[in-house]
Amino acid sequence: MGVFKLIVPAVVAALVGLYLLFTAPYVKDASYFMTAPDVGMVVLTVVNPTPFPACITGVEVLKPGGVKAELHETIFNGSIAAMRPVSEVCVNPFSSLNFAHGGYHVMIMGNATGTLEIALIFKDGRRAVFTATPSRAEFHIH
Protein backbone atom coordinates (compact mmCIF):
# COMPACT_ATOMS: atom_id res chain seq x y z
CA MET A 1 0.00 0.00 0.00
CA GLY A 2 2.88 2.41 0.75
CA VAL A 3 4.36 1.85 -2.74
CA PHE A 4 1.10 2.98 -4.38
CA LYS A 5 1.16 6.20 -2.37
CA LEU A 6 4.50 6.99 -4.01
CA ILE A 7 3.85 5.65 -7.52
CA VAL A 8 0.45 7.24 -8.20
CA PRO A 9 1.55 10.85 -7.52
CA ALA A 10 4.73 10.28 -9.55
CA VAL A 11 2.75 8.92 -12.51
CA VAL A 12 0.27 11.81 -12.33
CA ALA A 13 3.12 14.35 -12.18
CA ALA A 14 4.82 12.70 -15.15
CA LEU A 15 1.61 12.75 -17.20
CA VAL A 16 0.98 16.41 -16.38
CA GLY A 17 4.57 17.23 -17.31
CA LEU A 18 4.23 15.42 -20.65
CA TYR A 19 0.95 17.21 -21.34
CA LEU A 20 2.54 20.62 -20.72
CA LEU A 21 5.63 19.73 -22.74
CA PHE A 22 3.79 18.55 -25.85
CA THR A 23 0.64 20.68 -25.79
CA ALA A 24 0.69 23.95 -27.65
CA PRO A 25 -1.82 26.42 -29.10
CA TYR A 26 -3.04 25.53 -32.58
CA VAL A 27 -5.24 26.89 -35.36
CA LYS A 28 -8.39 25.39 -36.84
CA ASP A 29 -10.96 26.41 -39.44
CA ALA A 30 -8.73 28.87 -41.31
CA SER A 31 -9.79 30.46 -44.59
CA TYR A 32 -9.19 33.71 -46.39
CA PHE A 33 -10.80 35.95 -48.94
CA MET A 34 -9.48 38.73 -51.10
CA THR A 35 -11.37 42.02 -51.23
CA ALA A 36 -9.14 43.69 -53.79
CA PRO A 37 -6.45 42.30 -56.06
CA ASP A 38 -3.86 42.64 -53.32
CA VAL A 39 -5.69 42.90 -49.97
CA GLY A 40 -7.49 40.23 -48.01
CA MET A 41 -8.45 38.86 -44.62
CA VAL A 42 -7.69 35.54 -42.94
CA VAL A 43 -10.30 34.28 -40.48
CA LEU A 44 -9.48 31.42 -38.11
CA THR A 45 -9.87 30.02 -34.62
CA VAL A 46 -6.90 29.83 -32.25
CA VAL A 47 -7.23 27.10 -29.63
CA ASN A 48 -5.20 27.30 -26.43
CA PRO A 49 -5.37 23.92 -24.63
CA THR A 50 -2.71 24.97 -22.10
CA PRO A 51 -3.14 26.31 -18.55
CA PHE A 52 -1.27 29.51 -19.52
CA PRO A 53 -2.24 32.52 -21.65
CA ALA A 54 -1.01 32.23 -25.26
CA CYS A 55 -0.10 35.64 -26.66
CA ILE A 56 0.33 36.07 -30.41
CA THR A 57 2.84 38.79 -31.25
CA GLY A 58 3.32 38.28 -34.96
CA VAL A 59 2.18 36.56 -38.12
CA GLU A 60 4.04 35.51 -41.25
CA VAL A 61 2.90 34.12 -44.60
CA LEU A 62 5.31 31.30 -45.43
CA LYS A 63 3.83 30.34 -48.82
CA PRO A 64 3.41 31.84 -51.35
CA GLY A 65 6.31 34.23 -51.12
CA GLY A 66 5.76 37.95 -51.36
CA VAL A 67 2.55 38.02 -49.30
CA LYS A 68 2.74 40.16 -46.15
CA ALA A 69 0.55 39.76 -43.06
CA GLU A 70 -0.38 41.80 -40.00
CA LEU A 71 -2.49 41.21 -36.90
CA HIS A 72 -5.46 43.60 -37.06
CA GLU A 73 -8.59 44.43 -35.15
CA THR A 74 -11.72 46.17 -36.29
CA ILE A 75 -12.78 49.02 -34.04
CA PHE A 76 -16.13 50.76 -34.09
CA ASN A 77 -17.02 54.34 -33.29
CA GLY A 78 -20.77 54.59 -33.64
CA SER A 79 -21.52 53.52 -37.20
CA ILE A 80 -17.92 54.02 -38.38
CA ALA A 81 -15.64 50.99 -38.57
CA ALA A 82 -11.89 51.07 -39.03
CA MET A 83 -9.06 48.58 -38.84
CA ARG A 84 -5.79 49.00 -37.06
CA PRO A 85 -2.73 46.83 -36.53
CA VAL A 86 -2.24 45.33 -33.06
CA SER A 87 1.01 44.16 -31.53
CA GLU A 88 -0.42 41.37 -29.35
CA VAL A 89 -3.52 39.20 -29.11
CA CYS A 90 -3.83 36.84 -26.12
CA VAL A 91 -5.90 33.68 -25.87
CA ASN A 92 -6.95 32.70 -22.35
CA PRO A 93 -5.99 29.31 -20.89
CA PHE A 94 -8.15 26.35 -21.93
CA SER A 95 -10.12 28.47 -24.39
CA SER A 96 -10.27 29.59 -28.00
CA LEU A 97 -10.50 32.90 -29.81
CA ASN A 98 -12.16 33.48 -33.17
CA PHE A 99 -10.43 35.78 -35.62
CA ALA A 100 -13.38 36.93 -37.71
CA HIS A 101 -15.16 39.81 -39.43
CA GLY A 102 -15.64 42.71 -37.06
CA GLY A 103 -12.93 41.66 -34.58
CA TYR A 104 -9.39 40.37 -34.66
CA HIS A 105 -8.18 39.03 -37.99
CA VAL A 106 -5.05 38.58 -40.07
CA MET A 107 -4.76 41.14 -42.84
CA ILE A 108 -2.88 39.90 -45.90
CA MET A 109 -1.36 42.07 -48.61
CA GLY A 110 0.05 40.81 -51.89
CA ASN A 111 -0.76 38.26 -54.56
CA ALA A 112 -2.40 35.57 -52.42
CA THR A 113 -3.73 32.64 -54.44
CA GLY A 114 -4.43 29.01 -53.66
CA THR A 115 -3.75 27.59 -50.23
CA LEU A 116 -1.68 29.82 -47.94
CA GLU A 117 0.77 28.53 -45.34
CA ILE A 118 0.86 30.90 -42.37
CA ALA A 119 2.66 30.97 -39.02
CA LEU A 120 1.36 32.66 -35.89
CA ILE A 121 4.28 33.70 -33.70
CA PHE A 122 3.76 33.55 -29.94
CA LYS A 123 5.43 35.64 -27.26
CA ASP A 124 7.27 32.56 -25.91
CA GLY A 125 8.82 31.88 -29.34
CA ARG A 126 6.50 29.05 -30.36
CA ARG A 127 4.97 29.07 -33.82
CA ALA A 128 1.65 27.61 -34.92
CA VAL A 129 1.87 26.84 -38.63
CA PHE A 130 -1.41 26.30 -40.47
CA THR A 131 -2.99 26.47 -43.90
CA ALA A 132 -5.77 28.79 -45.00
CA THR A 133 -7.92 27.96 -47.99
CA PRO A 134 -9.69 30.47 -50.24
CA SER A 135 -13.27 31.33 -49.31
CA ARG A 136 -16.03 32.84 -51.41
CA ALA A 137 -16.84 35.42 -48.71
CA GLU A 138 -17.03 38.95 -50.06
CA PHE A 139 -17.16 41.08 -46.88
CA HIS A 140 -14.49 43.46 -45.67
CA ILE A 141 -14.51 46.87 -44.00
CA HIS A 142 -11.48 49.09 -44.29
C-alpha atoms as a PDB file:
ATOM      1  CA  MET A   1       0.000   0.000   0.000  1.00  0.00           C
ATOM      2  CA  GLY A   2       2.877   2.405   0.747  1.00  0.00           C
ATOM      3  CA  VAL A   3       4.358   1.854  -2.735  1.00  0.00           C
ATOM      4  CA  PHE A   4       1.102   2.983  -4.384  1.00  0.00           C
ATOM      5  CA  LYS A   5       1.163   6.205  -2.366  1.00  0.00           C
ATOM      6  CA  LEU A   6       4.497   6.990  -4.008  1.00  0.00           C
ATOM      7  CA  ILE A   7       3.848   5.653  -7.518  1.00  0.00           C
ATOM      8  CA  VAL A   8       0.450   7.242  -8.196  1.00  0.00           C
ATOM      9  CA  PRO A   9       1.555  10.847  -7.524  1.00  0.00           C
ATOM     10  CA  ALA A  10       4.730  10.282  -9.555  1.00  0.00           C
ATOM     11  CA  VAL A  11       2.748   8.924 -12.515  1.00  0.00           C
ATOM     12  CA  VAL A  12       0.272  11.814 -12.327  1.00  0.00           C
ATOM     13  CA  ALA A  13       3.122  14.348 -12.177  1.00  0.00           C
ATOM     14  CA  ALA A  14       4.819  12.702 -15.154  1.00  0.00           C
ATOM     15  CA  LEU A  15       1.610  12.750 -17.205  1.00  0.00           C
ATOM     16  CA  VAL A  16       0.976  16.412 -16.381  1.00  0.00           C
ATOM     17  CA  GLY A  17       4.573  17.228 -17.314  1.00  0.00           C
ATOM     18  CA  LEU A  18       4.233  15.425 -20.653  1.00  0.00           C
ATOM     19  CA  TYR A  19       0.951  17.209 -21.343  1.00  0.00           C
ATOM     20  CA  LEU A  20       2.542  20.621 -20.715  1.00  0.00           C
ATOM     21  CA  LEU A  21       5.626  19.729 -22.740  1.00  0.00           C
ATOM     22  CA  PHE A  22       3.792  18.552 -25.853  1.00  0.00           C
ATOM     23  CA  THR A  23       0.639  20.680 -25.788  1.00  0.00           C
ATOM     24  CA  ALA A  24       0.685  23.954 -27.655  1.00  0.00           C
ATOM     25  CA  PRO A  25      -1.816  26.419 -29.100  1.00  0.00           C
ATOM     26  CA  TYR A  26      -3.039  25.534 -32.581  1.00  0.00           C
ATOM     27  CA  VAL A  27      -5.240  26.887 -35.362  1.00  0.00           C
ATOM     28  CA  LYS A  28      -8.391  25.389 -36.835  1.00  0.00           C
ATOM     29  CA  ASP A  29     -10.964  26.411 -39.441  1.00  0.00           C
ATOM     30  CA  ALA A  30      -8.733  28.873 -41.311  1.00  0.00           C
ATOM     31  CA  SER A  31      -9.787  30.458 -44.585  1.00  0.00           C
ATOM     32  CA  TYR A  32      -9.194  33.710 -46.387  1.00  0.00           C
ATOM     33  CA  PHE A  33     -10.803  35.954 -48.944  1.00  0.00           C
ATOM     34  CA  MET A  34      -9.475  38.731 -51.103  1.00  0.00           C
ATOM     35  CA  THR A  35     -11.372  42.020 -51.227  1.00  0.00           C
ATOM     36  CA  ALA A  36      -9.145  43.688 -53.789  1.00  0.00           C
ATOM     37  CA  PRO A  37      -6.453  42.297 -56.061  1.00  0.00           C
ATOM     38  CA  ASP A  38      -3.857  42.644 -53.323  1.00  0.00           C
ATOM     39  CA  VAL A  39      -5.693  42.904 -49.973  1.00  0.00           C
ATOM     40  CA  GLY A  40      -7.490  40.228 -48.011  1.00  0.00           C
ATOM     41  CA  MET A  41      -8.454  38.859 -44.622  1.00  0.00           C
ATOM     42  CA  VAL A  42      -7.695  35.537 -42.943  1.00  0.00           C
ATOM     43  CA  VAL A  43     -10.295  34.275 -40.481  1.00  0.00           C
ATOM     44  CA  LEU A  44      -9.481  31.422 -38.107  1.00  0.00           C
ATOM     45  CA  THR A  45      -9.867  30.019 -34.618  1.00  0.00           C
ATOM     46  CA  VAL A  46      -6.898  29.833 -32.250  1.00  0.00           C
ATOM     47  CA  VAL A  47      -7.230  27.096 -29.631  1.00  0.00           C
ATOM     48  CA  ASN A  48      -5.197  27.301 -26.427  1.00  0.00           C
ATOM     49  CA  PRO A  49      -5.368  23.920 -24.629  1.00  0.00           C
ATOM     50  CA  THR A  50      -2.709  24.965 -22.095  1.00  0.00           C
ATOM     51  CA  PRO A  51      -3.144  26.314 -18.554  1.00  0.00           C
ATOM     52  CA  PHE A  52      -1.270  29.512 -19.519  1.00  0.00           C
ATOM     53  CA  PRO A  53      -2.245  32.520 -21.651  1.00  0.00           C
ATOM     54  CA  ALA A  54      -1.015  32.233 -25.258  1.00  0.00           C
ATOM     55  CA  CYS A  55      -0.105  35.644 -26.655  1.00  0.00           C
ATOM     56  CA  ILE A  56       0.328  36.069 -30.405  1.00  0.00           C
ATOM     57  CA  THR A  57       2.843  38.787 -31.247  1.00  0.00           C
ATOM     58  CA  GLY A  58       3.317  38.277 -34.955  1.00  0.00           C
ATOM     59  CA  VAL A  59       2.178  36.561 -38.125  1.00  0.00           C
ATOM     60  CA  GLU A  60       4.042  35.511 -41.251  1.00  0.00           C
ATOM     61  CA  VAL A  61       2.898  34.116 -44.596  1.00  0.00           C
ATOM     62  CA  LEU A  62       5.308  31.296 -45.433  1.00  0.00           C
ATOM     63  CA  LYS A  63       3.828  30.342 -48.818  1.00  0.00           C
ATOM     64  CA  PRO A  64       3.407  31.839 -51.349  1.00  0.00           C
ATOM     65  CA  GLY A  65       6.309  34.231 -51.121  1.00  0.00           C
ATOM     66  CA  GLY A  66       5.763  37.951 -51.358  1.00  0.00           C
ATOM     67  CA  VAL A  67       2.555  38.021 -49.296  1.00  0.00           C
ATOM     68  CA  LYS A  68       2.739  40.161 -46.146  1.00  0.00           C
ATOM     69  CA  ALA A  69       0.551  39.755 -43.056  1.00  0.00           C
ATOM     70  CA  GLU A  70      -0.379  41.796 -39.996  1.00  0.00           C
ATOM     71  CA  LEU A  71      -2.492  41.210 -36.902  1.00  0.00           C
ATOM     72  CA  HIS A  72      -5.463  43.598 -37.064  1.00  0.00           C
ATOM     73  CA  GLU A  73      -8.586  44.433 -35.155  1.00  0.00           C
ATOM     74  CA  THR A  74     -11.722  46.172 -36.295  1.00  0.00           C
ATOM     75  CA  ILE A  75     -12.776  49.024 -34.044  1.00  0.00           C
ATOM     76  CA  PHE A  76     -16.135  50.763 -34.094  1.00  0.00           C
ATOM     77  CA  ASN A  77     -17.023  54.344 -33.287  1.00  0.00           C
ATOM     78  CA  GLY A  78     -20.775  54.588 -33.639  1.00  0.00           C
ATOM     79  CA  SER A  79     -21.521  53.515 -37.197  1.00  0.00           C
ATOM     80  CA  ILE A  80     -17.924  54.024 -38.379  1.00  0.00           C
ATOM     81  CA  ALA A  81     -15.642  50.987 -38.567  1.00  0.00           C
ATOM     82  CA  ALA A  82     -11.885  51.073 -39.028  1.00  0.00           C
ATOM     83  CA  MET A  83      -9.057  48.583 -38.843  1.00  0.00           C
ATOM     84  CA  ARG A  84      -5.793  49.000 -37.056  1.00  0.00           C
ATOM     85  CA  PRO A  85      -2.730  46.834 -36.531  1.00  0.00           C
ATOM     86  CA  VAL A  86      -2.244  45.330 -33.065  1.00  0.00           C
ATOM     87  CA  SER A  87       1.008  44.156 -31.525  1.00  0.00           C
ATOM     88  CA  GLU A  88      -0.424  41.366 -29.353  1.00  0.00           C
ATOM     89  CA  VAL A  89      -3.518  39.197 -29.114  1.00  0.00           C
ATOM     90  CA  CYS A  90      -3.825  36.843 -26.121  1.00  0.00           C
ATOM     91  CA  VAL A  91      -5.904  33.684 -25.868  1.00  0.00           C
ATOM     92  CA  ASN A  92      -6.949  32.702 -22.352  1.00  0.00           C
ATOM     93  CA  PRO A  93      -5.991  29.310 -20.886  1.00  0.00           C
ATOM     94  CA  PHE A  94      -8.154  26.347 -21.930  1.00  0.00           C
ATOM     95  CA  SER A  95     -10.121  28.466 -24.394  1.00  0.00           C
ATOM     96  CA  SER A  96     -10.274  29.585 -28.005  1.00  0.00           C
ATOM     97  CA  LEU A  97     -10.500  32.901 -29.814  1.00  0.00           C
ATOM     98  CA  ASN A  98     -12.163  33.478 -33.174  1.00  0.00           C
ATOM     99  CA  PHE A  99     -10.433  35.777 -35.618  1.00  0.00           C
ATOM    100  CA  ALA A 100     -13.382  36.931 -37.711  1.00  0.00           C
ATOM    101  CA  HIS A 101     -15.160  39.808 -39.428  1.00  0.00           C
ATOM    102  CA  GLY A 102     -15.640  42.714 -37.055  1.00  0.00           C
ATOM    103  CA  GLY A 103     -12.927  41.659 -34.582  1.00  0.00           C
ATOM    104  CA  TYR A 104      -9.390  40.373 -34.655  1.00  0.00           C
ATOM    105  CA  HIS A 105      -8.180  39.033 -37.995  1.00  0.00           C
ATOM    106  CA  VAL A 106      -5.047  38.578 -40.066  1.00  0.00           C
ATOM    107  CA  MET A 107      -4.763  41.140 -42.836  1.00  0.00           C
ATOM    108  CA  ILE A 108      -2.881  39.900 -45.903  1.00  0.00           C
ATOM    109  CA  MET A 109      -1.363  42.067 -48.606  1.00  0.00           C
ATOM    110  CA  GLY A 110       0.046  40.810 -51.890  1.00  0.00           C
ATOM    111  CA  ASN A 111      -0.762  38.263 -54.564  1.00  0.00           C
ATOM    112  CA  ALA A 112      -2.401  35.565 -52.424  1.00  0.00           C
ATOM    113  CA  THR A 113      -3.730  32.644 -54.437  1.00  0.00           C
ATOM    114  CA  GLY A 114      -4.425  29.010 -53.662  1.00  0.00           C
ATOM    115  CA  THR A 115      -3.746  27.594 -50.231  1.00  0.00           C
ATOM    116  CA  LEU A 116      -1.685  29.822 -47.939  1.00  0.00           C
ATOM    117  CA  GLU A 117       0.770  28.528 -45.343  1.00  0.00           C
ATOM    118  CA  ILE A 118       0.862  30.901 -42.372  1.00  0.00           C
ATOM    119  CA  ALA A 119       2.656  30.970 -39.020  1.00  0.00           C
ATOM    120  CA  LEU A 120       1.365  32.656 -35.894  1.00  0.00           C
ATOM    121  CA  ILE A 121       4.277  33.704 -33.700  1.00  0.00           C
ATOM    122  CA  PHE A 122       3.763  33.554 -29.944  1.00  0.00           C
ATOM    123  CA  LYS A 123       5.427  35.637 -27.257  1.00  0.00           C
ATOM    124  CA  ASP A 124       7.271  32.565 -25.915  1.00  0.00           C
ATOM    125  CA  GLY A 125       8.818  31.882 -29.344  1.00  0.00           C
ATOM    126  CA  ARG A 126       6.503  29.053 -30.357  1.00  0.00           C
ATOM    127  CA  ARG A 127       4.968  29.068 -33.817  1.00  0.00           C
ATOM    128  CA  ALA A 128       1.651  27.610 -34.918  1.00  0.00           C
ATOM    129  CA  VAL A 129       1.871  26.836 -38.634  1.00  0.00           C
ATOM    130  CA  PHE A 130      -1.414  26.301 -40.471  1.00  0.00           C
ATOM    131  CA  THR A 131      -2.986  26.469 -43.902  1.00  0.00           C
ATOM    132  CA  ALA A 132      -5.772  28.791 -44.995  1.00  0.00           C
ATOM    133  CA  THR A 133      -7.923  27.960 -47.991  1.00  0.00           C
ATOM    134  CA  PRO A 134      -9.693  30.470 -50.240  1.00  0.00           C
ATOM    135  CA  SER A 135     -13.271  31.325 -49.310  1.00  0.00           C
ATOM    136  CA  ARG A 136     -16.033  32.844 -51.415  1.00  0.00           C
ATOM    137  CA  ALA A 137     -16.835  35.424 -48.714  1.00  0.00           C
ATOM    138  CA  GLU A 138     -17.030  38.952 -50.064  1.00  0.00           C
ATOM    139  CA  PHE A 139     -17.157  41.077 -46.884  1.00  0.00           C
ATOM    140  CA  HIS A 140     -14.490  43.462 -45.666  1.00  0.00           C
ATOM    141  CA  ILE A 141     -14.513  46.868 -44.001  1.00  0.00           C
ATOM    142  CA  HIS A 142     -11.481  49.091 -44.289  1.00  0.00           C
END
